């Protein structure tokens, strides 16, 4: 998608964030817009916002370990290592480890 291509360009990342927010609003049950938005926000250093965006994905895709992996990464970057460890454990549990 255009939003994903733009998020890789630091000069256009804010444009990507806007497009990905709109995509998530249009298709709230789809995983990709929320995950991509979370990743764009992570790249922009906006970790708390990335976690909020990921909450929308978790509401529909709580059994997807990818969601929990990204949540763990954002929590670690946000300075909440205990929460990050819990999210990592949940991802591993979902993978059957």
N, C-alpha and C. Protein backbone atom coordinates (compact mmCIF):
# COMPACT_ATOMS: atom_id res chain seq x y z
N UNK A 1 0.84 -1.19 0.00
CA UNK A 1 0.00 0.00 0.00
C UNK A 1 0.88 1.25 0.00
N UNK A 2 0.27 2.34 -0.33
CA UNK A 2 0.99 3.61 -0.36
C UNK A 2 1.52 3.95 1.03
N UNK A 3 0.70 3.74 2.05
CA UNK A 3 1.12 4.05 3.41
C UNK A 3 2.36 3.29 3.82
N UNK A 4 2.44 2.02 3.46
CA UNK A 4 3.61 1.20 3.80
C UNK A 4 4.84 1.70 3.07
N UNK A 5 4.69 2.06 1.80
CA UNK A 5 5.84 2.59 1.05
C UNK A 5 6.32 3.90 1.66
N UNK A 6 5.39 4.74 2.05
CA UNK A 6 5.76 6.05 2.61
C UNK A 6 6.42 5.93 3.98
N UNK A 7 6.03 4.93 4.77
CA UNK A 7 6.57 4.85 6.13
C UNK A 7 8.07 4.56 6.12
N UNK A 8 8.58 3.99 5.05
CA UNK A 8 10.01 3.70 4.95
C UNK A 8 10.83 4.95 4.64
N UNK A 9 10.18 6.01 4.21
CA UNK A 9 10.86 7.27 3.88
C UNK A 9 10.69 8.22 5.06
N UNK A 10 11.76 8.49 5.80
CA UNK A 10 11.64 9.36 6.99
C UNK A 10 11.02 10.72 6.71
N UNK A 11 11.24 11.25 5.51
CA UNK A 11 10.69 12.57 5.18
C UNK A 11 9.19 12.52 4.91
N UNK A 12 8.66 11.33 4.66
CA UNK A 12 7.23 11.22 4.35
C UNK A 12 6.49 10.37 5.37
N UNK A 13 7.15 10.06 6.47
CA UNK A 13 6.57 9.17 7.47
C UNK A 13 5.27 9.73 8.05
N UNK A 14 5.21 11.04 8.26
CA UNK A 14 3.98 11.62 8.84
C UNK A 14 2.81 11.49 7.89
N UNK A 15 3.09 11.55 6.60
CA UNK A 15 2.05 11.33 5.61
C UNK A 15 1.57 9.87 5.68
N UNK A 16 2.51 8.96 5.85
CA UNK A 16 2.17 7.54 5.98
C UNK A 16 1.30 7.31 7.21
N UNK A 17 1.66 7.94 8.31
CA UNK A 17 0.88 7.77 9.55
C UNK A 17 -0.57 8.22 9.32
N UNK A 18 -0.73 9.34 8.65
CA UNK A 18 -2.09 9.83 8.38
C UNK A 18 -2.86 8.85 7.50
N UNK A 19 -2.24 8.36 6.44
CA UNK A 19 -2.91 7.40 5.55
C UNK A 19 -3.26 6.10 6.27
N UNK A 20 -2.33 5.62 7.09
CA UNK A 20 -2.57 4.36 7.81
C UNK A 20 -3.66 4.52 8.87
N UNK A 21 -3.73 5.68 9.50
CA UNK A 21 -4.83 5.94 10.46
C UNK A 21 -6.18 5.85 9.74
N UNK A 22 -6.24 6.47 8.57
CA UNK A 22 -7.49 6.44 7.80
C UNK A 22 -7.83 5.03 7.35
N UNK A 23 -6.83 4.26 6.95
CA UNK A 23 -7.07 2.88 6.52
C UNK A 23 -7.62 2.05 7.68
N UNK A 24 -7.10 2.26 8.89
CA UNK A 24 -7.59 1.55 10.06
C UNK A 24 -9.02 1.93 10.41
N UNK A 25 -9.35 3.19 10.17
CA UNK A 25 -10.72 3.65 10.45
C UNK A 25 -11.71 3.06 9.45
N UNK A 26 -11.28 2.92 8.20
CA UNK A 26 -12.15 2.38 7.16
C UNK A 26 -12.32 0.87 7.31
N UNK A 27 -11.26 0.19 7.71
CA UNK A 27 -11.29 -1.27 7.86
C UNK A 27 -10.82 -1.67 9.25
N UNK A 28 -11.61 -1.38 10.27
CA UNK A 28 -11.16 -1.58 11.65
C UNK A 28 -10.88 -3.04 12.03
N UNK A 29 -11.47 -3.99 11.34
CA UNK A 29 -11.25 -5.40 11.70
C UNK A 29 -10.04 -6.01 11.00
N UNK A 30 -9.43 -5.28 10.08
CA UNK A 30 -8.26 -5.82 9.37
C UNK A 30 -7.00 -5.56 10.17
N UNK A 31 -6.12 -6.52 10.17
CA UNK A 31 -4.88 -6.46 10.95
C UNK A 31 -3.86 -5.49 10.35
N UNK A 32 -3.65 -5.56 9.07
CA UNK A 32 -2.54 -4.84 8.43
C UNK A 32 -2.52 -3.33 8.70
N UNK A 33 -3.63 -2.61 8.57
CA UNK A 33 -3.53 -1.16 8.80
C UNK A 33 -3.06 -0.81 10.21
N UNK A 34 -3.52 -1.56 11.20
CA UNK A 34 -3.15 -1.26 12.59
C UNK A 34 -1.70 -1.61 12.87
N UNK A 35 -1.26 -2.75 12.36
CA UNK A 35 0.14 -3.15 12.55
C UNK A 35 1.06 -2.18 11.82
N UNK A 36 0.71 -1.84 10.59
CA UNK A 36 1.54 -0.89 9.84
C UNK A 36 1.58 0.47 10.49
N UNK A 37 0.45 0.92 11.02
CA UNK A 37 0.42 2.20 11.73
C UNK A 37 1.30 2.13 12.97
N UNK A 38 1.21 1.05 13.71
CA UNK A 38 2.05 0.89 14.91
C UNK A 38 3.53 0.93 14.54
N UNK A 39 3.89 0.28 13.45
CA UNK A 39 5.28 0.27 13.03
C UNK A 39 5.73 1.66 12.57
N UNK A 40 4.86 2.38 11.87
CA UNK A 40 5.19 3.75 11.45
C UNK A 40 5.40 4.65 12.66
N UNK A 41 4.54 4.51 13.65
CA UNK A 41 4.67 5.31 14.86
C UNK A 41 5.94 4.94 15.63
N UNK A 42 6.28 3.65 15.63
CA UNK A 42 7.52 3.21 16.26
C UNK A 42 8.71 3.87 15.57
N UNK A 43 8.73 3.86 14.25
CA UNK A 43 9.83 4.48 13.50
C UNK A 43 9.92 5.98 13.76
N UNK A 44 8.77 6.58 14.06
CA UNK A 44 8.74 8.02 14.36
C UNK A 44 9.07 8.31 15.82
N UNK A 45 9.31 7.25 16.61
CA UNK A 45 9.63 7.44 18.02
C UNK A 45 8.42 7.72 18.89
N UNK A 46 7.24 7.44 18.38
CA UNK A 46 5.98 7.71 19.10
C UNK A 46 5.42 6.38 19.63
N UNK A 47 6.13 5.84 20.60
CA UNK A 47 5.86 4.48 21.09
C UNK A 47 4.51 4.34 21.77
N UNK A 48 4.13 5.30 22.60
CA UNK A 48 2.84 5.22 23.28
C UNK A 48 1.69 5.23 22.28
N UNK A 49 1.80 6.06 21.25
CA UNK A 49 0.77 6.09 20.21
C UNK A 49 0.73 4.78 19.44
N UNK A 50 1.91 4.19 19.24
CA UNK A 50 1.98 2.90 18.57
C UNK A 50 1.24 1.82 19.35
N UNK A 51 1.36 1.87 20.67
CA UNK A 51 0.64 0.91 21.52
C UNK A 51 -0.87 1.12 21.42
N UNK A 52 -1.30 2.35 21.38
CA UNK A 52 -2.74 2.64 21.25
C UNK A 52 -3.25 2.12 19.91
N UNK A 53 -2.50 2.35 18.86
CA UNK A 53 -2.91 1.86 17.54
C UNK A 53 -2.97 0.34 17.52
N UNK A 54 -2.04 -0.28 18.22
CA UNK A 54 -2.01 -1.74 18.26
C UNK A 54 -3.17 -2.32 19.06
N UNK A 55 -3.68 -1.57 20.02
CA UNK A 55 -4.84 -2.04 20.79
C UNK A 55 -6.03 -2.33 19.87
N UNK A 56 -6.17 -1.54 18.81
CA UNK A 56 -7.27 -1.78 17.87
C UNK A 56 -7.07 -3.13 17.19
N UNK A 57 -5.85 -3.46 16.84
CA UNK A 57 -5.57 -4.77 16.22
C UNK A 57 -5.81 -5.90 17.22
N UNK A 58 -5.41 -5.69 18.46
CA UNK A 58 -5.60 -6.74 19.47
C UNK A 58 -7.06 -7.04 19.72
N UNK A 59 -7.92 -6.05 19.58
CA UNK A 59 -9.34 -6.29 19.85
C UNK A 59 -9.93 -7.28 18.85
N UNK A 60 -9.36 -7.36 17.64
CA UNK A 60 -9.84 -8.30 16.63
C UNK A 60 -8.92 -9.50 16.43
N UNK A 61 -7.66 -9.34 16.80
CA UNK A 61 -6.65 -10.36 16.48
C UNK A 61 -5.82 -10.74 17.70
N UNK A 62 -6.46 -10.93 18.82
CA UNK A 62 -5.73 -11.21 20.07
C UNK A 62 -5.02 -12.56 20.06
N UNK A 63 -5.36 -13.44 19.14
CA UNK A 63 -4.70 -14.75 19.06
C UNK A 63 -3.54 -14.75 18.07
N UNK A 64 -3.19 -13.61 17.52
CA UNK A 64 -2.10 -13.52 16.56
C UNK A 64 -0.81 -13.15 17.30
N UNK A 65 0.18 -14.03 17.31
CA UNK A 65 1.41 -13.74 18.05
C UNK A 65 2.18 -12.53 17.52
N UNK A 66 2.02 -12.21 16.24
CA UNK A 66 2.68 -11.02 15.68
C UNK A 66 2.26 -9.76 16.42
N UNK A 67 1.00 -9.68 16.76
CA UNK A 67 0.48 -8.52 17.49
C UNK A 67 1.18 -8.40 18.84
N UNK A 68 1.34 -9.53 19.50
CA UNK A 68 1.98 -9.52 20.83
C UNK A 68 3.48 -9.26 20.73
N UNK A 69 4.12 -9.72 19.67
CA UNK A 69 5.54 -9.41 19.46
C UNK A 69 5.75 -7.91 19.30
N UNK A 70 4.94 -7.29 18.47
CA UNK A 70 5.05 -5.85 18.25
C UNK A 70 4.71 -5.09 19.52
N UNK A 71 3.71 -5.56 20.24
CA UNK A 71 3.35 -4.92 21.52
C UNK A 71 4.53 -4.98 22.48
N UNK A 72 5.19 -6.13 22.55
CA UNK A 72 6.35 -6.28 23.42
C UNK A 72 7.45 -5.30 23.04
N UNK A 73 7.72 -5.19 21.75
CA UNK A 73 8.76 -4.28 21.27
C UNK A 73 8.44 -2.83 21.64
N UNK A 74 7.20 -2.43 21.43
CA UNK A 74 6.80 -1.06 21.76
C UNK A 74 6.85 -0.82 23.28
N UNK A 75 6.46 -1.80 24.05
CA UNK A 75 6.53 -1.66 25.51
C UNK A 75 7.97 -1.53 25.98
N UNK A 76 8.86 -2.32 25.39
CA UNK A 76 10.28 -2.22 25.74
C UNK A 76 10.80 -0.83 25.43
N UNK A 77 10.48 -0.33 24.25
CA UNK A 77 10.92 1.01 23.85
C UNK A 77 10.28 2.10 24.71
N UNK A 78 9.10 1.82 25.24
CA UNK A 78 8.39 2.79 26.10
C UNK A 78 8.92 2.77 27.53
N UNK A 79 9.81 1.83 27.82
CA UNK A 79 10.37 1.76 29.17
C UNK A 79 9.55 0.95 30.14
N UNK A 80 8.78 0.01 29.63
CA UNK A 80 7.99 -0.87 30.51
C UNK A 80 8.39 -2.33 30.25
N UNK A 81 9.58 -2.72 30.76
CA UNK A 81 10.09 -4.06 30.47
C UNK A 81 9.25 -5.18 31.06
N UNK A 82 8.58 -4.95 32.16
CA UNK A 82 7.74 -6.00 32.74
C UNK A 82 6.56 -6.30 31.82
N UNK A 83 5.93 -5.27 31.33
CA UNK A 83 4.83 -5.45 30.38
C UNK A 83 5.34 -6.10 29.11
N UNK A 84 6.53 -5.70 28.66
CA UNK A 84 7.11 -6.29 27.45
C UNK A 84 7.34 -7.79 27.64
N UNK A 85 7.83 -8.18 28.79
CA UNK A 85 8.06 -9.60 29.07
C UNK A 85 6.74 -10.37 29.06
N UNK A 86 5.70 -9.78 29.60
CA UNK A 86 4.39 -10.44 29.60
C UNK A 86 3.86 -10.61 28.18
N UNK A 87 4.05 -9.61 27.34
CA UNK A 87 3.59 -9.70 25.96
C UNK A 87 4.40 -10.74 25.18
N UNK A 88 5.70 -10.80 25.45
CA UNK A 88 6.54 -11.83 24.81
C UNK A 88 6.07 -13.22 25.23
N UNK A 89 5.77 -13.38 26.51
CA UNK A 89 5.28 -14.67 27.01
C UNK A 89 3.96 -15.04 26.34
N UNK A 90 3.09 -14.07 26.13
CA UNK A 90 1.82 -14.34 25.47
C UNK A 90 2.04 -14.78 24.02
N UNK A 91 2.94 -14.11 23.32
CA UNK A 91 3.26 -14.50 21.94
C UNK A 91 3.78 -15.92 21.89
N UNK A 92 4.66 -16.26 22.80
CA UNK A 92 5.21 -17.63 22.85
C UNK A 92 4.13 -18.64 23.17
N UNK A 93 3.26 -18.29 24.07
CA UNK A 93 2.14 -19.18 24.41
C UNK A 93 1.26 -19.45 23.19
N UNK A 94 1.01 -18.41 22.43
CA UNK A 94 0.17 -18.56 21.23
C UNK A 94 0.86 -19.41 20.17
N UNK A 95 2.18 -19.40 20.19
CA UNK A 95 2.93 -20.24 19.25
C UNK A 95 3.09 -21.67 19.76
N UNK A 96 2.62 -21.92 20.97
CA UNK A 96 2.71 -23.26 21.54
C UNK A 96 4.06 -23.58 22.15
N UNK A 97 4.80 -22.56 22.52
CA UNK A 97 6.12 -22.77 23.14
C UNK A 97 6.03 -22.67 24.64
